[in-house]
PDB file of N, CA and C in Angstrom:
ATOM      1  N   UNK A   1     -15.927  22.987  19.598  1.00  0.00           N
ATOM      2  CA  UNK A   1     -14.544  22.941  20.023  1.00  0.00           C
ATOM      3  C   UNK A   1     -14.517  22.528  21.488  1.00  0.00           C
ATOM      4  N   UNK A   2     -13.662  21.586  21.802  1.00  0.00           N
ATOM      5  CA  UNK A   2     -13.498  21.151  23.178  1.00  0.00           C
ATOM      6  C   UNK A   2     -12.303  21.856  23.791  1.00  0.00           C
ATOM      7  N   UNK A   3     -12.445  22.233  25.024  1.00  0.00           N
ATOM      8  CA  UNK A   3     -11.336  22.851  25.748  1.00  0.00           C
ATOM      9  C   UNK A   3     -10.957  21.924  26.888  1.00  0.00           C
ATOM     10  N   UNK A   4      -9.719  21.924  27.229  1.00  0.00           N
ATOM     11  CA  UNK A   4      -9.259  21.081  28.318  1.00  0.00           C
ATOM     12  C   UNK A   4      -7.980  21.615  28.900  1.00  0.00           C
ATOM     13  N   UNK A   5      -7.543  20.949  29.915  1.00  0.00           N
ATOM     14  CA  UNK A   5      -6.299  21.319  30.564  1.00  0.00           C
ATOM     15  C   UNK A   5      -5.348  20.143  30.462  1.00  0.00           C
ATOM     16  N   UNK A   6      -4.123  20.419  30.104  1.00  0.00           N
ATOM     17  CA  UNK A   6      -3.094  19.389  30.067  1.00  0.00           C
ATOM     18  C   UNK A   6      -1.766  20.045  30.406  1.00  0.00           C
ATOM     19  N   UNK A   7      -0.768  19.225  30.581  1.00  0.00           N
ATOM     20  CA  UNK A   7       0.561  19.742  30.904  1.00  0.00           C
ATOM     21  C   UNK A   7       1.504  19.451  29.748  1.00  0.00           C
ATOM     22  N   UNK A   8       2.339  20.435  29.428  1.00  0.00           N
ATOM     23  CA  UNK A   8       3.389  20.238  28.444  1.00  0.00           C
ATOM     24  C   UNK A   8       4.703  20.692  29.071  1.00  0.00           C
ATOM     25  N   UNK A   9       5.785  20.187  28.568  1.00  0.00           N
ATOM     26  CA  UNK A   9       7.108  20.548  29.062  1.00  0.00           C
ATOM     27  C   UNK A   9       7.734  21.544  28.094  1.00  0.00           C
ATOM     28  N   UNK A  10       8.171  22.668  28.619  1.00  0.00           N
ATOM     29  CA  UNK A  10       8.881  23.669  27.818  1.00  0.00           C
ATOM     30  C   UNK A  10      10.264  23.826  28.438  1.00  0.00           C
ATOM     31  N   UNK A  11      11.278  23.687  27.634  1.00  0.00           N
ATOM     32  CA  UNK A  11      12.644  23.764  28.139  1.00  0.00           C
ATOM     33  C   UNK A  11      12.932  25.124  28.769  1.00  0.00           C
ATOM     34  N   UNK A  12      13.732  25.110  29.820  1.00  0.00           N
ATOM     35  CA  UNK A  12      14.031  26.326  30.576  1.00  0.00           C
ATOM     36  C   UNK A  12      14.609  27.449  29.709  1.00  0.00           C
ATOM     37  N   UNK A  13      15.515  27.179  28.759  1.00  0.00           N
ATOM     38  CA  UNK A  13      16.017  28.276  27.914  1.00  0.00           C
ATOM     39  C   UNK A  13      14.911  28.932  27.081  1.00  0.00           C
ATOM     40  N   UNK A  14      13.922  28.152  26.662  1.00  0.00           N
ATOM     41  CA  UNK A  14      12.793  28.711  25.909  1.00  0.00           C
ATOM     42  C   UNK A  14      11.958  29.598  26.821  1.00  0.00           C
ATOM     43  N   UNK A  15      11.684  29.125  28.034  1.00  0.00           N
ATOM     44  CA  UNK A  15      10.903  29.893  29.010  1.00  0.00           C
ATOM     45  C   UNK A  15      11.582  31.226  29.296  1.00  0.00           C
ATOM     46  N   UNK A  16      12.876  31.189  29.553  1.00  0.00           N
ATOM     47  CA  UNK A  16      13.614  32.423  29.853  1.00  0.00           C
ATOM     48  C   UNK A  16      13.667  33.343  28.643  1.00  0.00           C
ATOM     49  N   UNK A  17      13.922  32.786  27.469  1.00  0.00           N
ATOM     50  CA  UNK A  17      14.038  33.590  26.257  1.00  0.00           C
ATOM     51  C   UNK A  17      12.747  34.301  25.884  1.00  0.00           C
ATOM     52  N   UNK A  18      11.615  33.672  26.178  1.00  0.00           N
ATOM     53  CA  UNK A  18      10.322  34.267  25.842  1.00  0.00           C
ATOM     54  C   UNK A  18       9.713  35.051  26.990  1.00  0.00           C
ATOM     55  N   UNK A  19      10.338  34.991  28.157  1.00  0.00           N
ATOM     56  CA  UNK A  19       9.815  35.707  29.318  1.00  0.00           C
ATOM     57  C   UNK A  19       8.524  35.107  29.857  1.00  0.00           C
ATOM     58  N   UNK A  20       8.364  33.800  29.698  1.00  0.00           N
ATOM     59  CA  UNK A  20       7.155  33.139  30.198  1.00  0.00           C
ATOM     60  C   UNK A  20       7.206  33.029  31.713  1.00  0.00           C
ATOM     61  N   UNK A  21       6.032  33.091  32.323  1.00  0.00           N
ATOM     62  CA  UNK A  21       5.932  32.953  33.772  1.00  0.00           C
ATOM     63  C   UNK A  21       4.886  31.904  34.106  1.00  0.00           C
ATOM     64  N   UNK A  22       5.025  31.303  35.270  1.00  0.00           N
ATOM     65  CA  UNK A  22       4.078  30.290  35.717  1.00  0.00           C
ATOM     66  C   UNK A  22       2.666  30.876  35.718  1.00  0.00           C
ATOM     67  N   UNK A  23       1.719  30.114  35.193  1.00  0.00           N
ATOM     68  CA  UNK A  23       0.328  30.540  35.160  1.00  0.00           C
ATOM     69  C   UNK A  23      -0.090  31.278  33.905  1.00  0.00           C
ATOM     70  N   UNK A  24       0.876  31.635  33.050  1.00  0.00           N
ATOM     71  CA  UNK A  24       0.524  32.318  31.798  1.00  0.00           C
ATOM     72  C   UNK A  24      -0.184  31.328  30.871  1.00  0.00           C
ATOM     73  N   UNK A  25      -1.216  31.773  30.152  1.00  0.00           N
ATOM     74  CA  UNK A  25      -1.908  30.851  29.242  1.00  0.00           C
ATOM     75  C   UNK A  25      -1.057  30.547  28.013  1.00  0.00           C
ATOM     76  N   UNK A  26      -1.118  29.305  27.594  1.00  0.00           N
ATOM     77  CA  UNK A  26      -0.483  28.858  26.357  1.00  0.00           C
ATOM     78  C   UNK A  26      -1.577  28.154  25.570  1.00  0.00           C
ATOM     79  N   UNK A  27      -1.827  28.589  24.370  1.00  0.00           N
ATOM     80  CA  UNK A  27      -2.891  28.012  23.564  1.00  0.00           C
ATOM     81  C   UNK A  27      -2.295  27.020  22.576  1.00  0.00           C
ATOM     82  N   UNK A  28      -2.775  25.777  22.643  1.00  0.00           N
ATOM     83  CA  UNK A  28      -2.290  24.719  21.762  1.00  0.00           C
ATOM     84  C   UNK A  28      -3.446  24.179  20.936  1.00  0.00           C
ATOM     85  N   UNK A  29      -3.147  23.849  19.709  1.00  0.00           N
ATOM     86  CA  UNK A  29      -4.152  23.344  18.783  1.00  0.00           C
ATOM     87  C   UNK A  29      -3.595  22.104  18.097  1.00  0.00           C
ATOM     88  N   UNK A  30      -4.460  21.133  17.851  1.00  0.00           N
ATOM     89  CA  UNK A  30      -4.047  19.926  17.149  1.00  0.00           C
ATOM     90  C   UNK A  30      -4.663  19.919  15.758  1.00  0.00           C
ATOM     91  N   UNK A  31      -3.975  19.265  14.848  1.00  0.00           N
ATOM     92  CA  UNK A  31      -4.445  19.174  13.466  1.00  0.00           C
ATOM     93  C   UNK A  31      -3.725  18.010  12.802  1.00  0.00           C
ATOM     94  N   UNK A  32      -3.950  17.855  11.523  1.00  0.00           N
ATOM     95  CA  UNK A  32      -3.219  16.872  10.726  1.00  0.00           C
ATOM     96  C   UNK A  32      -2.620  17.600   9.533  1.00  0.00           C
ATOM     97  N   UNK A  33      -1.396  17.216   9.175  1.00  0.00           N
ATOM     98  CA  UNK A  33      -0.763  17.843   8.017  1.00  0.00           C
ATOM     99  C   UNK A  33      -1.306  17.232   6.725  1.00  0.00           C
ATOM    100  N   UNK A  34      -0.762  17.656   5.594  1.00  0.00           N
ATOM    101  CA  UNK A  34      -1.259  17.195   4.299  1.00  0.00           C
ATOM    102  C   UNK A  34      -1.099  15.692   4.092  1.00  0.00           C
ATOM    103  N   UNK A  35      -0.225  15.054   4.871  1.00  0.00           N
ATOM    104  CA  UNK A  35      -0.030  13.606   4.797  1.00  0.00           C
ATOM    105  C   UNK A  35      -0.813  12.865   5.869  1.00  0.00           C
ATOM    106  N   UNK A  36      -1.640  13.576   6.629  1.00  0.00           N
ATOM    107  CA  UNK A  36      -2.446  12.945   7.667  1.00  0.00           C
ATOM    108  C   UNK A  36      -1.720  12.712   8.981  1.00  0.00           C
ATOM    109  N   UNK A  37      -0.519  13.250   9.103  1.00  0.00           N
ATOM    110  CA  UNK A  37       0.243  13.083  10.345  1.00  0.00           C
ATOM    111  C   UNK A  37      -0.252  14.076  11.388  1.00  0.00           C
ATOM    112  N   UNK A  38      -0.442  13.610  12.641  1.00  0.00           N
ATOM    113  CA  UNK A  38      -0.916  14.526  13.683  1.00  0.00           C
ATOM    114  C   UNK A  38       0.171  15.525  14.078  1.00  0.00           C
ATOM    115  N   UNK A  39      -0.263  16.752  14.391  1.00  0.00           N
ATOM    116  CA  UNK A  39       0.679  17.761  14.853  1.00  0.00           C
ATOM    117  C   UNK A  39      -0.001  18.650  15.882  1.00  0.00           C
ATOM    118  N   UNK A  40       0.807  19.364  16.644  1.00  0.00           N
ATOM    119  CA  UNK A  40       0.301  20.300  17.635  1.00  0.00           C
ATOM    120  C   UNK A  40       1.065  21.604  17.487  1.00  0.00           C
ATOM    121  N   UNK A  41       0.333  22.712  17.479  1.00  0.00           N
ATOM    122  CA  UNK A  41       0.924  24.044  17.410  1.00  0.00           C
ATOM    123  C   UNK A  41       0.586  24.748  18.709  1.00  0.00           C
ATOM    124  N   UNK A  42       1.590  25.348  19.345  1.00  0.00           N
ATOM    125  CA  UNK A  42       1.363  26.083  20.589  1.00  0.00           C
ATOM    126  C   UNK A  42       1.771  27.536  20.404  1.00  0.00           C
ATOM    127  N   UNK A  43       0.879  28.442  20.789  1.00  0.00           N
ATOM    128  CA  UNK A  43       1.161  29.871  20.758  1.00  0.00           C
ATOM    129  C   UNK A  43       1.597  30.282  22.155  1.00  0.00           C
ATOM    130  N   UNK A  44       2.773  30.850  22.273  1.00  0.00           N
ATOM    131  CA  UNK A  44       3.365  31.156  23.573  1.00  0.00           C
ATOM    132  C   UNK A  44       3.228  32.623  23.957  1.00  0.00           C
ATOM    133  N   UNK A  45       2.443  33.396  23.212  1.00  0.00           N
ATOM    134  CA  UNK A  45       2.288  34.816  23.536  1.00  0.00           C
ATOM    135  C   UNK A  45       1.032  35.106  24.350  1.00  0.00           C
ATOM    136  N   UNK A  46       0.310  34.065  24.754  1.00  0.00           N
ATOM    137  CA  UNK A  46      -0.874  34.250  25.592  1.00  0.00           C
ATOM    138  C   UNK A  46      -2.121  34.670  24.848  1.00  0.00           C
ATOM    139  N   UNK A  47      -2.069  34.666  23.515  1.00  0.00           N
ATOM    140  CA  UNK A  47      -3.233  35.060  22.713  1.00  0.00           C
ATOM    141  C   UNK A  47      -3.746  33.844  21.947  1.00  0.00           C
ATOM    142  N   UNK A  48      -5.064  33.602  21.994  1.00  0.00           N
ATOM    143  CA  UNK A  48      -5.601  32.467  21.231  1.00  0.00           C
ATOM    144  C   UNK A  48      -5.585  32.758  19.736  1.00  0.00           C
ATOM    145  N   UNK A  49      -5.527  31.698  18.955  1.00  0.00           N
ATOM    146  CA  UNK A  49      -5.574  31.824  17.503  1.00  0.00           C
ATOM    147  C   UNK A  49      -7.007  32.114  17.098  1.00  0.00           C
ATOM    148  N   UNK A  50      -7.166  32.937  16.080  1.00  0.00           N
ATOM    149  CA  UNK A  50      -8.504  33.169  15.545  1.00  0.00           C
ATOM    150  C   UNK A  50      -8.910  31.914  14.777  1.00  0.00           C
ATOM    151  N   UNK A  51      -9.995  31.298  15.194  1.00  0.00           N
ATOM    152  CA  UNK A  51     -10.447  30.060  14.570  1.00  0.00           C
ATOM    153  C   UNK A  51     -11.249  30.401  13.319  1.00  0.00           C
ATOM    154  N   UNK A  52     -10.839  29.808  12.204  1.00  0.00           N
ATOM    155  CA  UNK A  52     -11.536  29.997  10.940  1.00  0.00           C
ATOM    156  C   UNK A  52     -12.158  28.663  10.569  1.00  0.00           C
ATOM    157  N   UNK A  53     -13.449  28.675  10.265  1.00  0.00           N
ATOM    158  CA  UNK A  53     -14.128  27.443   9.886  1.00  0.00           C
ATOM    159  C   UNK A  53     -13.604  26.968   8.542  1.00  0.00           C
ATOM    160  N   UNK A  54     -13.537  25.639   8.372  1.00  0.00           N
ATOM    161  CA  UNK A  54     -12.991  25.048   7.164  1.00  0.00           C
ATOM    162  C   UNK A  54     -13.749  25.514   5.923  1.00  0.00           C
ATOM    163  N   UNK A  55     -15.069  25.703   6.023  1.00  0.00           N
ATOM    164  CA  UNK A  55     -15.860  26.168   4.882  1.00  0.00           C
ATOM    165  C   UNK A  55     -15.403  27.546   4.429  1.00  0.00           C
ATOM    166  N   UNK A  56     -15.059  28.432   5.377  1.00  0.00           N
ATOM    167  CA  UNK A  56     -14.610  29.779   5.038  1.00  0.00           C
ATOM    168  C   UNK A  56     -13.283  29.734   4.299  1.00  0.00           C
ATOM    169  N   UNK A  57     -12.395  28.823   4.698  1.00  0.00           N
ATOM    170  CA  UNK A  57     -11.087  28.695   4.051  1.00  0.00           C
ATOM    171  C   UNK A  57     -11.272  28.242   2.614  1.00  0.00           C
ATOM    172  N   UNK A  58     -12.146  27.262   2.391  1.00  0.00           N
ATOM    173  CA  UNK A  58     -12.380  26.763   1.037  1.00  0.00           C
ATOM    174  C   UNK A  58     -12.933  27.860   0.143  1.00  0.00           C
ATOM    175  N   UNK A  59     -13.820  28.703   0.662  1.00  0.00           N
ATOM    176  CA  UNK A  59     -14.384  29.790  -0.127  1.00  0.00           C
ATOM    177  C   UNK A  59     -13.309  30.805  -0.495  1.00  0.00           C
ATOM    178  N   UNK A  60     -12.390  31.074   0.413  1.00  0.00           N
ATOM    179  CA  UNK A  60     -11.319  32.034   0.149  1.00  0.00           C
ATOM    180  C   UNK A  60     -10.364  31.527  -0.924  1.00  0.00           C
ATOM    181  N   UNK A  61     -10.162  30.209  -0.987  1.00  0.00           N
ATOM    182  CA  UNK A  61      -9.224  29.631  -1.942  1.00  0.00           C
ATOM    183  C   UNK A  61      -9.787  29.632  -3.356  1.00  0.00           C
ATOM    184  N   UNK A  62     -11.101  29.654  -3.499  1.00  0.00           N
ATOM    185  CA  UNK A  62     -11.726  29.584  -4.832  1.00  0.00           C
ATOM    186  C   UNK A  62     -11.715  30.900  -5.548  1.00  0.00           C
TER     187      UNK A  62
END
């Protein structure tokens, strides 16, 4: 997994509504949906998502 730093824009009403403050961590992840379209999910609560390996997901589905 690669980690990096980038900037995203969050609208002021969202920032105020969630109580976000400058410097708080926001964890974003990229993926592709079932049609292959790229998407990004951002968690705004300062907690990283638990990463599950694709092999583990396939085993759970069987």
